[in-house]
């Protein structure tokens, strides 16, 4: 999925309702001026669910878990940004993405084969986590930055809540479940399987009481989910300063 960095949240009253509006840059890539392009090769490209791929690339840089890289078929300012999904000690850079209808890069990426060339930028971003108790909340391929954090050894004292449309959309679930155990919550409307909450991620959150106001909450997914989850957390007493978000489109 394409990534957008959230610049700010505006609140306004309209018709007696408090409406939050996300403001994002018109630039689809948001590449910083310091980003440099590096030519790399595809190591593997696996379709792991319908319309969802995990592409592995040669690694040419270090990164912090949660950072992003720009991807293009040539060095160009309209590169699309994707969260890195691999750990800091992994041999290759892995990118989790789904095909966006009418997308600029994702259909092209889905067709890449081993040995094909791509251009990636040096990593950047501030959606990073530390070795402290925290909540990771994601939908769909928004799980990617949390996968990077998890595979980098930051899973201790974390609670991961992942919302998916189907039971097959919980990417990396075997690895998460083995380590996080009861702290790994999968939410999927209409699913009645053991270990899966039958409902939306937001419904699960609404049912929770006494959320820890002194812990950080990291949100990654589509704008609508991020706004809705943020409203729930604030209503339940989580300070705004403890909520960090990254928007996927």
C-alpha atoms as a PDB file:
ATOM      1  CA  UNK A   1       0.000   0.000   0.000  1.00  0.00           C
ATOM      2  CA  UNK A   2       1.075   3.547  -0.547  1.00  0.00           C
ATOM      3  CA  UNK A   3       2.114   5.357   2.588  1.00  0.00           C
ATOM      4  CA  UNK A   4       1.278   8.885   3.616  1.00  0.00           C
ATOM      5  CA  UNK A   5       2.735  10.672   6.594  1.00  0.00           C
ATOM      6  CA  UNK A   6       0.058  12.415   8.601  1.00  0.00           C
ATOM      7  CA  UNK A   7       0.863  16.089   8.973  1.00  0.00           C
ATOM      8  CA  UNK A   8      -1.860  17.104  11.384  1.00  0.00           C
ATOM      9  CA  UNK A   9      -5.420  16.546  12.534  1.00  0.00           C
ATOM     10  CA  UNK A  10      -7.971  19.352  12.511  1.00  0.00           C
ATOM     11  CA  UNK A  11     -11.055  19.249  14.696  1.00  0.00           C
ATOM     12  CA  UNK A  12     -14.175  21.211  13.860  1.00  0.00           C
ATOM     13  CA  UNK A  13     -17.791  21.251  14.914  1.00  0.00           C
ATOM     14  CA  UNK A  14     -20.380  20.728  12.213  1.00  0.00           C
ATOM     15  CA  UNK A  15     -24.013  20.055  12.851  1.00  0.00           C
ATOM     16  CA  UNK A  16     -23.279  19.476  16.521  1.00  0.00           C
ATOM     17  CA  UNK A  17     -20.789  16.730  15.753  1.00  0.00           C
ATOM     18  CA  UNK A  18     -17.061  16.798  16.329  1.00  0.00           C
ATOM     19  CA  UNK A  19     -15.444  15.983  12.987  1.00  0.00           C
ATOM     20  CA  UNK A  20     -11.784  15.161  12.612  1.00  0.00           C
ATOM     21  CA  UNK A  21     -10.204  15.698   9.210  1.00  0.00           C
ATOM     22  CA  UNK A  22      -6.841  14.298   8.219  1.00  0.00           C
ATOM     23  CA  UNK A  23      -4.619  16.593   6.196  1.00  0.00           C
ATOM     24  CA  UNK A  24      -1.964  14.984   4.031  1.00  0.00           C
ATOM     25  CA  UNK A  25       0.436  16.364   1.484  1.00  0.00           C
ATOM     26  CA  UNK A  26      -0.602  16.541  -2.161  1.00  0.00           C
ATOM     27  CA  UNK A  27       2.731  14.942  -3.027  1.00  0.00           C
ATOM     28  CA  UNK A  28       2.046  11.175  -3.231  1.00  0.00           C
ATOM     29  CA  UNK A  29       5.621  10.255  -2.382  1.00  0.00           C
ATOM     30  CA  UNK A  30       6.630  12.772   0.297  1.00  0.00           C
ATOM     31  CA  UNK A  31      10.268  12.053  -0.480  1.00  0.00           C
ATOM     32  CA  UNK A  32      12.602  14.134   1.672  1.00  0.00           C
ATOM     33  CA  UNK A  33      15.330  16.077  -0.105  1.00  0.00           C
ATOM     34  CA  UNK A  34      17.946  13.876   1.573  1.00  0.00           C
ATOM     35  CA  UNK A  35      16.617  10.642   0.029  1.00  0.00           C
ATOM     36  CA  UNK A  36      19.023   8.956  -2.382  1.00  0.00           C
ATOM     37  CA  UNK A  37      18.093   6.318  -4.962  1.00  0.00           C
ATOM     38  CA  UNK A  38      19.864   2.971  -4.989  1.00  0.00           C
ATOM     39  CA  UNK A  39      19.618   0.379  -7.753  1.00  0.00           C
ATOM     40  CA  UNK A  40      18.686  -3.025  -6.375  1.00  0.00           C
ATOM     41  CA  UNK A  41      17.514  -6.442  -7.575  1.00  0.00           C
ATOM     42  CA  UNK A  42      14.482  -8.547  -6.781  1.00  0.00           C
ATOM     43  CA  UNK A  43      15.369 -11.670  -4.801  1.00  0.00           C
ATOM     44  CA  UNK A  44      11.868 -13.099  -4.581  1.00  0.00           C
ATOM     45  CA  UNK A  45       8.270 -11.990  -5.086  1.00  0.00           C
ATOM     46  CA  UNK A  46       5.638 -14.148  -3.420  1.00  0.00           C
ATOM     47  CA  UNK A  47       1.888 -13.737  -3.588  1.00  0.00           C
ATOM     48  CA  UNK A  48       0.812 -14.523  -0.023  1.00  0.00           C
ATOM     49  CA  UNK A  49      -2.903 -13.748  -0.375  1.00  0.00           C
ATOM     50  CA  UNK A  50      -5.265 -12.617  -3.102  1.00  0.00           C
ATOM     51  CA  UNK A  51      -3.804  -9.393  -4.434  1.00  0.00           C
ATOM     52  CA  UNK A  52      -1.154  -9.242  -1.689  1.00  0.00           C
ATOM     53  CA  UNK A  53       2.571  -9.747  -2.239  1.00  0.00           C
ATOM     54  CA  UNK A  54       5.757  -9.948  -0.196  1.00  0.00           C
ATOM     55  CA  UNK A  55       8.685  -8.829  -2.333  1.00  0.00           C
ATOM     56  CA  UNK A  56      12.294  -9.359  -1.195  1.00  0.00           C
ATOM     57  CA  UNK A  57      15.047  -7.066  -2.431  1.00  0.00           C
ATOM     58  CA  UNK A  58      18.813  -6.899  -2.180  1.00  0.00           C
ATOM     59  CA  UNK A  59      19.749  -4.939   0.900  1.00  0.00           C
ATOM     60  CA  UNK A  60      21.995  -1.887   0.566  1.00  0.00           C
ATOM     61  CA  UNK A  61      21.252   0.114   3.725  1.00  0.00           C
ATOM     62  CA  UNK A  62      20.532   0.011   7.450  1.00  0.00           C
ATOM     63  CA  UNK A  63      17.209   1.233   8.807  1.00  0.00           C
ATOM     64  CA  UNK A  64      15.194   1.693  11.975  1.00  0.00           C
ATOM     65  CA  UNK A  65      12.146  -0.544  12.460  1.00  0.00           C
ATOM     66  CA  UNK A  66       9.072   1.320  11.230  1.00  0.00           C
ATOM     67  CA  UNK A  67      10.837   3.363   8.559  1.00  0.00           C
ATOM     68  CA  UNK A  68       9.828   3.532   4.893  1.00  0.00           C
ATOM     69  CA  UNK A  69      11.576   3.433   1.539  1.00  0.00           C
ATOM     70  CA  UNK A  70      10.596   4.937  -1.807  1.00  0.00           C
ATOM     71  CA  UNK A  71      10.238   2.512  -4.732  1.00  0.00           C
ATOM     72  CA  UNK A  72      10.218   3.244  -8.461  1.00  0.00           C
ATOM     73  CA  UNK A  73      11.299   1.686 -11.746  1.00  0.00           C
ATOM     74  CA  UNK A  74      13.645   4.666 -12.191  1.00  0.00           C
ATOM     75  CA  UNK A  75      15.099   7.410  -9.969  1.00  0.00           C
ATOM     76  CA  UNK A  76      12.148   9.807  -9.886  1.00  0.00           C
ATOM     77  CA  UNK A  77      10.519  12.144  -7.358  1.00  0.00           C
ATOM     78  CA  UNK A  78       7.137  10.440  -7.678  1.00  0.00           C
ATOM     79  CA  UNK A  79       8.376   7.215  -6.101  1.00  0.00           C
ATOM     80  CA  UNK A  80       5.787   5.544  -3.879  1.00  0.00           C
ATOM     81  CA  UNK A  81       6.581   4.915  -0.239  1.00  0.00           C
ATOM     82  CA  UNK A  82       6.284   1.541   1.447  1.00  0.00           C
ATOM     83  CA  UNK A  83       6.998   0.493   5.009  1.00  0.00           C
ATOM     84  CA  UNK A  84       9.826  -1.977   5.388  1.00  0.00           C
ATOM     85  CA  UNK A  85       8.490  -5.281   6.746  1.00  0.00           C
ATOM     86  CA  UNK A  86      11.777  -7.045   7.525  1.00  0.00           C
ATOM     87  CA  UNK A  87      13.904  -7.036  10.655  1.00  0.00           C
ATOM     88  CA  UNK A  88      17.034  -4.942  11.072  1.00  0.00           C
ATOM     89  CA  UNK A  89      19.238  -8.044  10.947  1.00  0.00           C
ATOM     90  CA  UNK A  90      17.540  -9.741   7.989  1.00  0.00           C
ATOM     91  CA  UNK A  91      19.591 -10.349   4.867  1.00  0.00           C
ATOM     92  CA  UNK A  92      17.049  -8.783   2.518  1.00  0.00           C
ATOM     93  CA  UNK A  93      14.625  -5.866   2.509  1.00  0.00           C
ATOM     94  CA  UNK A  94      11.032  -7.087   2.427  1.00  0.00           C
ATOM     95  CA  UNK A  95       8.052  -5.028   1.337  1.00  0.00           C
ATOM     96  CA  UNK A  96       4.453  -6.090   1.965  1.00  0.00           C
ATOM     97  CA  UNK A  97       2.002  -4.557  -0.494  1.00  0.00           C
ATOM     98  CA  UNK A  98      -1.366  -5.059  -2.112  1.00  0.00           C
ATOM     99  CA  UNK A  99      -2.342  -4.201  -5.657  1.00  0.00           C
ATOM    100  CA  UNK A 100      -4.198  -0.921  -5.862  1.00  0.00           C
ATOM    101  CA  UNK A 101      -6.653  -0.757  -8.810  1.00  0.00           C
ATOM    102  CA  UNK A 102      -5.328   1.933 -11.105  1.00  0.00           C
ATOM    103  CA  UNK A 103      -2.223   2.177  -8.954  1.00  0.00           C
ATOM    104  CA  UNK A 104       0.998   3.636 -10.263  1.00  0.00           C
ATOM    105  CA  UNK A 105       3.563   1.257  -8.783  1.00  0.00           C
ATOM    106  CA  UNK A 106       1.795  -1.689  -7.129  1.00  0.00           C
ATOM    107  CA  UNK A 107       0.698  -3.457 -10.383  1.00  0.00           C
ATOM    108  CA  UNK A 108       4.241  -3.028 -11.689  1.00  0.00           C
ATOM    109  CA  UNK A 109       5.719  -4.456  -8.466  1.00  0.00           C
ATOM    110  CA  UNK A 110       3.385  -7.452  -8.573  1.00  0.00           C
ATOM    111  CA  UNK A 111       4.856  -8.481 -11.940  1.00  0.00           C
ATOM    112  CA  UNK A 112       8.517  -8.277 -10.889  1.00  0.00           C
ATOM    113  CA  UNK A 113      10.553 -11.473 -11.078  1.00  0.00           C
ATOM    114  CA  UNK A 114      13.785 -12.613  -9.487  1.00  0.00           C
ATOM    115  CA  UNK A 115      16.682 -10.662 -10.974  1.00  0.00           C
ATOM    116  CA  UNK A 116      14.615  -7.667 -12.106  1.00  0.00           C
ATOM    117  CA  UNK A 117      15.944  -4.230 -11.257  1.00  0.00           C
ATOM    118  CA  UNK A 118      14.210  -1.648  -9.084  1.00  0.00           C
ATOM    119  CA  UNK A 119      15.214   1.643  -7.530  1.00  0.00           C
ATOM    120  CA  UNK A 120      14.739   2.211  -3.811  1.00  0.00           C
ATOM    121  CA  UNK A 121      15.559   5.209  -1.667  1.00  0.00           C
ATOM    122  CA  UNK A 122      17.513   5.351   1.519  1.00  0.00           C
ATOM    123  CA  UNK A 123      15.066   4.807   4.401  1.00  0.00           C
ATOM    124  CA  UNK A 124      13.465   7.526   6.464  1.00  0.00           C
ATOM    125  CA  UNK A 125      10.509   8.112   8.771  1.00  0.00           C
ATOM    126  CA  UNK A 126       9.641   8.661  12.419  1.00  0.00           C
ATOM    127  CA  UNK A 127       7.069   5.930  13.061  1.00  0.00           C
ATOM    128  CA  UNK A 128       9.482   4.084  15.323  1.00  0.00           C
ATOM    129  CA  UNK A 129       9.032   2.119  18.533  1.00  0.00           C
ATOM    130  CA  UNK A 130      11.217   1.326  21.522  1.00  0.00           C
ATOM    131  CA  UNK A 131      11.667  -1.386  24.140  1.00  0.00           C
ATOM    132  CA  UNK A 132       8.770  -0.182  26.266  1.00  0.00           C
ATOM    133  CA  UNK A 133       5.229  -1.529  26.719  1.00  0.00           C
ATOM    134  CA  UNK A 134       3.058  -0.379  23.817  1.00  0.00           C
ATOM    135  CA  UNK A 135       0.037  -1.257  21.707  1.00  0.00           C
ATOM    136  CA  UNK A 136       0.348  -1.914  17.981  1.00  0.00           C
ATOM    137  CA  UNK A 137      -2.923  -1.505  16.071  1.00  0.00           C
ATOM    138  CA  UNK A 138      -3.173  -2.208  12.337  1.00  0.00           C
ATOM    139  CA  UNK A 139      -5.496  -3.214   9.542  1.00  0.00           C
ATOM    140  CA  UNK A 140      -4.547  -5.056   6.347  1.00  0.00           C
ATOM    141  CA  UNK A 141      -1.042  -4.451   5.043  1.00  0.00           C
ATOM    142  CA  UNK A 142      -0.686  -1.735   7.671  1.00  0.00           C
ATOM    143  CA  UNK A 143       0.856  -4.549   9.698  1.00  0.00           C
ATOM    144  CA  UNK A 144       4.144  -4.016   7.801  1.00  0.00           C
ATOM    145  CA  UNK A 145       5.900  -1.554  10.173  1.00  0.00           C
ATOM    146  CA  UNK A 146       4.922  -3.685  13.162  1.00  0.00           C
ATOM    147  CA  UNK A 147       6.332  -6.754  11.436  1.00  0.00           C
ATOM    148  CA  UNK A 148       9.617  -4.877  11.094  1.00  0.00           C
ATOM    149  CA  UNK A 149       9.539  -3.953  14.782  1.00  0.00           C
ATOM    150  CA  UNK A 150       8.635  -7.517  15.768  1.00  0.00           C
ATOM    151  CA  UNK A 151      11.319  -9.160  13.619  1.00  0.00           C
ATOM    152  CA  UNK A 152      13.813  -6.655  15.047  1.00  0.00           C
ATOM    153  CA  UNK A 153      13.248  -7.987  18.561  1.00  0.00           C
ATOM    154  CA  UNK A 154      10.828  -5.333  19.841  1.00  0.00           C
ATOM    155  CA  UNK A 155       7.907  -7.670  20.554  1.00  0.00           C
ATOM    156  CA  UNK A 156       8.374  -7.821  24.334  1.00  0.00           C
ATOM    157  CA  UNK A 157       5.580  -6.148  26.325  1.00  0.00           C
ATOM    158  CA  UNK A 158       3.632  -5.338  23.151  1.00  0.00           C
ATOM    159  CA  UNK A 159      -0.034  -5.963  22.401  1.00  0.00           C
ATOM    160  CA  UNK A 160      -0.784  -6.396  18.702  1.00  0.00           C
ATOM    161  CA  UNK A 161      -4.314  -5.942  17.387  1.00  0.00           C
ATOM    162  CA  UNK A 162      -4.758  -6.712  13.691  1.00  0.00           C
ATOM    163  CA  UNK A 163      -7.960  -6.243  11.764  1.00  0.00           C
ATOM    164  CA  UNK A 164      -8.559  -8.128   8.526  1.00  0.00           C
ATOM    165  CA  UNK A 165     -11.328  -8.645   6.008  1.00  0.00           C
ATOM    166  CA  UNK A 166     -10.804 -12.420   5.849  1.00  0.00           C
ATOM    167  CA  UNK A 167      -9.080 -15.074   7.938  1.00  0.00           C
ATOM    168  CA  UNK A 168      -6.369 -15.185   5.280  1.00  0.00           C
ATOM    169  CA  UNK A 169      -5.392 -11.546   5.706  1.00  0.00           C
ATOM    170  CA  UNK A 170      -3.474 -11.933   8.959  1.00  0.00           C
ATOM    171  CA  UNK A 171       0.011 -11.753   7.518  1.00  0.00           C
ATOM    172  CA  UNK A 172       2.871 -13.196   9.628  1.00  0.00           C
ATOM    173  CA  UNK A 173       0.273 -14.603  12.041  1.00  0.00           C
ATOM    174  CA  UNK A 174       2.203 -17.777  12.847  1.00  0.00           C
ATOM    175  CA  UNK A 175       5.264 -15.798  13.928  1.00  0.00           C
ATOM    176  CA  UNK A 176       3.208 -13.296  15.924  1.00  0.00           C
ATOM    177  CA  UNK A 177       1.140 -15.962  17.677  1.00  0.00           C
ATOM    178  CA  UNK A 178       4.166 -18.021  18.691  1.00  0.00           C
ATOM    179  CA  UNK A 179       5.767 -15.119  20.549  1.00  0.00           C
ATOM    180  CA  UNK A 180       2.980 -12.737  21.539  1.00  0.00           C
ATOM    181  CA  UNK A 181       0.446 -15.469  22.353  1.00  0.00           C
ATOM    182  CA  UNK A 182      -2.583 -13.904  24.132  1.00  0.00           C
ATOM    183  CA  UNK A 183      -1.226 -10.441  23.318  1.00  0.00           C
ATOM    184  CA  UNK A 184      -1.930 -11.060  19.626  1.00  0.00           C
ATOM    185  CA  UNK A 185      -5.554 -10.278  18.813  1.00  0.00           C
ATOM    186  CA  UNK A 186      -7.004 -10.901  15.353  1.00  0.00           C
ATOM    187  CA  UNK A 187     -10.301  -9.240  14.459  1.00  0.00           C
ATOM    188  CA  UNK A 188     -12.422 -10.219  11.480  1.00  0.00           C
ATOM    189  CA  UNK A 189     -16.179  -9.615  10.997  1.00  0.00           C
ATOM    190  CA  UNK A 190     -18.117 -12.789  10.281  1.00  0.00           C
ATOM    191  CA  UNK A 191     -15.335 -15.170  11.316  1.00  0.00           C
ATOM    192  CA  UNK A 192     -16.125 -17.623  14.092  1.00  0.00           C
ATOM    193  CA  UNK A 193     -12.827 -19.473  14.183  1.00  0.00           C
ATOM    194  CA  UNK A 194     -11.028 -20.097  17.434  1.00  0.00           C
ATOM    195  CA  UNK A 195      -8.563 -17.337  18.221  1.00  0.00           C
ATOM    196  CA  UNK A 196     -10.277 -14.727  16.034  1.00  0.00           C
ATOM    197  CA  UNK A 197     -12.563 -12.039  17.403  1.00  0.00           C
ATOM    198  CA  UNK A 198     -15.698 -12.006  15.256  1.00  0.00           C
ATOM    199  CA  UNK A 199     -16.036  -8.303  14.666  1.00  0.00           C
ATOM    200  CA  UNK A 200     -14.194  -5.174  13.683  1.00  0.00           C
ATOM    201  CA  UNK A 201     -11.039  -4.084  15.430  1.00  0.00           C
ATOM    202  CA  UNK A 202     -12.865  -0.982  16.645  1.00  0.00           C
ATOM    203  CA  UNK A 203     -15.575  -3.112  18.242  1.00  0.00           C
ATOM    204  CA  UNK A 204     -12.941  -5.046  20.180  1.00  0.00           C
ATOM    205  CA  UNK A 205     -11.418  -1.794  21.421  1.00  0.00           C
ATOM    206  CA  UNK A 206     -14.817  -0.464  22.488  1.00  0.00           C
ATOM    207  CA  UNK A 207     -15.217  -3.496  24.748  1.00  0.00           C
ATOM    208  CA  UNK A 208     -11.932  -2.935  26.566  1.00  0.00           C
ATOM    209  CA  UNK A 209     -11.871  -1.251  29.954  1.00  0.00           C
ATOM    210  CA  UNK A 210      -9.046   0.488  31.802  1.00  0.00           C
ATOM    211  CA  UNK A 211      -6.686   0.973  28.869  1.00  0.00           C
ATOM    212  CA  UNK A 212      -3.225   2.028  30.122  1.00  0.00           C
ATOM    213  CA  UNK A 213      -3.014   5.798  29.761  1.00  0.00           C
ATOM    214  CA  UNK A 214       0.747   5.771  30.341  1.00  0.00           C
ATOM    215  CA  UNK A 215       1.541   3.527  27.353  1.00  0.00           C
ATOM    216  CA  UNK A 216       2.032   4.405  23.683  1.00  0.00           C
ATOM    217  CA  UNK A 217      -0.503   3.396  21.032  1.00  0.00           C
ATOM    218  CA  UNK A 218       0.722   3.026  17.435  1.00  0.00           C
ATOM    219  CA  UNK A 219      -1.902   3.014  14.654  1.00  0.00           C
ATOM    220  CA  UNK A 220      -1.304   2.037  11.039  1.00  0.00           C
ATOM    221  CA  UNK A 221      -3.929   1.628   8.349  1.00  0.00           C
ATOM    222  CA  UNK A 222      -6.395   3.580   6.281  1.00  0.00           C
ATOM    223  CA  UNK A 223      -7.321   7.089   7.345  1.00  0.00           C
ATOM    224  CA  UNK A 224     -10.845   6.158   8.408  1.00  0.00           C
ATOM    225  CA  UNK A 225      -9.575   3.458  10.754  1.00  0.00           C
ATOM    226  CA  UNK A 226      -6.908   5.688  12.253  1.00  0.00           C
ATOM    227  CA  UNK A 227      -9.390   8.477  13.002  1.00  0.00           C
ATOM    228  CA  UNK A 228     -11.978   6.092  14.433  1.00  0.00           C
ATOM    229  CA  UNK A 229      -9.464   4.278  16.634  1.00  0.00           C
ATOM    230  CA  UNK A 230      -7.966   7.547  17.819  1.00  0.00           C
ATOM    231  CA  UNK A 231     -11.408   8.804  18.839  1.00  0.00           C
ATOM    232  CA  UNK A 232     -12.046   5.605  20.794  1.00  0.00           C
ATOM    233  CA  UNK A 233      -8.699   5.796  22.575  1.00  0.00           C
ATOM    234  CA  UNK A 234      -9.125   9.449  23.523  1.00  0.00           C
ATOM    235  CA  UNK A 235     -12.654   8.761  24.765  1.00  0.00           C
ATOM    236  CA  UNK A 236     -11.229   5.983  26.942  1.00  0.00           C
ATOM    237  CA  UNK A 237      -8.665   8.282  28.513  1.00  0.00           C
ATOM    238  CA  UNK A 238      -5.563   7.835  26.359  1.00  0.00           C
ATOM    239  CA  UNK A 239      -3.714  11.161  26.043  1.00  0.00           C
ATOM    240  CA  UNK A 240      -3.426  12.484  22.505  1.00  0.00           C
ATOM    241  CA  UNK A 241       0.367  12.731  22.913  1.00  0.00           C
ATOM    242  CA  UNK A 242       0.554   8.952  23.442  1.00  0.00           C
ATOM    243  CA  UNK A 243      -1.071   8.130  20.094  1.00  0.00           C
ATOM    244  CA  UNK A 244       1.138   7.782  17.009  1.00  0.00           C
ATOM    245  CA  UNK A 245      -0.258   7.138  13.551  1.00  0.00           C
ATOM    246  CA  UNK A 246       0.739   6.326  10.019  1.00  0.00           C
ATOM    247  CA  UNK A 247      -1.743   6.507   7.169  1.00  0.00           C
ATOM    248  CA  UNK A 248      -1.961   3.946   4.352  1.00  0.00           C
ATOM    249  CA  UNK A 249      -3.942   4.517   1.158  1.00  0.00           C
END
